[in-house]
């Protein structure tokens, strides 16, 4: 299959897929991560100390609006998200 403008440079979708793993975290449609913050323990409850928070920009021109929010990805000890 020929390359398209959206394929990785010097590659094809098939070649790139062969060396790429599956998504570890997925967001809803129209949710764009715009900021990442970590709780330092002084501004949050103790249970949140060291946790990451991802701030999402959504799509307000939809009814209802979608994608806005803050998510907290949870990680296992091995570093893989839940």
Protein backbone atom coordinates (compact mmCIF):
# COMPACT_ATOMS: atom_id res chain seq x y z
CA UNK A 1 0.00 0.00 0.00
CA UNK A 2 1.46 3.43 -0.89
CA UNK A 3 2.33 6.02 1.74
CA UNK A 4 -0.03 8.86 2.56
CA UNK A 5 0.85 12.29 3.96
CA UNK A 6 -0.18 11.01 7.42
CA UNK A 7 2.25 8.07 7.55
CA UNK A 8 5.43 8.38 9.66
CA UNK A 9 8.28 9.79 7.54
CA UNK A 10 9.98 7.07 5.49
CA UNK A 11 7.43 4.45 6.54
CA UNK A 12 3.91 3.14 5.97
CA UNK A 13 1.03 2.58 8.39
CA UNK A 14 1.65 -1.17 8.31
CA UNK A 15 5.38 -0.84 9.07
CA UNK A 16 4.73 1.65 11.86
CA UNK A 17 1.98 -0.54 13.37
CA UNK A 18 4.38 -3.49 13.49
CA UNK A 19 6.72 -1.61 15.86
CA UNK A 20 4.09 0.28 17.87
CA UNK A 21 2.36 -0.93 21.04
CA UNK A 22 -1.29 -0.40 21.88
CA UNK A 23 -2.47 2.75 23.66
CA UNK A 24 -1.97 2.57 27.43
CA UNK A 25 -4.43 5.37 28.18
CA UNK A 26 -7.39 6.49 26.11
CA UNK A 27 -9.39 9.72 26.25
CA UNK A 28 -12.89 10.37 25.01
CA UNK A 29 -13.43 11.97 21.61
CA UNK A 30 -12.79 15.72 21.45
CA UNK A 31 -10.77 15.71 24.70
CA UNK A 32 -7.34 17.27 24.23
CA UNK A 33 -4.78 17.21 27.06
CA UNK A 34 -3.57 20.78 27.56
CA UNK A 35 -1.70 20.54 30.86
CA UNK A 36 -0.18 18.00 33.22
CA UNK A 37 0.30 18.66 36.93
CA UNK A 38 1.59 16.57 39.81
CA UNK A 39 0.31 17.02 43.35
CA UNK A 40 3.14 17.95 45.68
CA UNK A 41 1.28 16.87 48.80
CA UNK A 42 0.86 20.33 50.33
CA UNK A 43 -2.07 21.43 48.17
CA UNK A 44 -3.89 18.09 48.06
CA UNK A 45 -5.03 15.38 50.43
CA UNK A 46 -2.35 12.86 51.40
CA UNK A 47 -3.85 10.15 49.15
CA UNK A 48 -3.15 12.31 46.10
CA UNK A 49 0.52 13.03 46.92
CA UNK A 50 2.66 12.33 43.85
CA UNK A 51 -0.37 11.68 41.62
CA UNK A 52 -0.65 13.13 38.10
CA UNK A 53 -3.61 15.22 36.95
CA UNK A 54 -4.31 15.83 33.25
CA UNK A 55 -6.35 18.89 32.35
CA UNK A 56 -8.50 18.38 29.25
CA UNK A 57 -9.82 20.93 26.79
CA UNK A 58 -13.03 19.76 25.21
CA UNK A 59 -15.35 20.80 22.45
CA UNK A 60 -17.90 23.40 23.45
CA UNK A 61 -19.58 23.62 20.05
CA UNK A 62 -21.33 20.31 20.69
CA UNK A 63 -24.59 19.76 22.50
CA UNK A 64 -23.88 18.62 25.13
CA UNK A 65 -20.30 19.88 25.39
CA UNK A 66 -17.81 17.00 25.59
CA UNK A 67 -14.26 16.34 26.64
CA UNK A 68 -13.75 19.05 29.30
CA UNK A 69 -12.40 17.89 32.60
CA UNK A 70 -9.57 16.76 34.79
CA UNK A 71 -8.49 13.13 34.89
CA UNK A 72 -6.16 11.33 37.26
CA UNK A 73 -4.48 8.37 35.56
CA UNK A 74 -3.77 5.67 38.13
CA UNK A 75 -0.54 3.67 37.84
CA UNK A 76 0.46 0.25 39.07
CA UNK A 77 3.80 -0.18 40.82
CA UNK A 78 5.29 -1.42 37.54
CA UNK A 79 4.45 1.93 35.95
CA UNK A 80 1.61 0.69 33.76
CA UNK A 81 -1.69 2.61 33.95
CA UNK A 82 -4.82 0.97 35.29
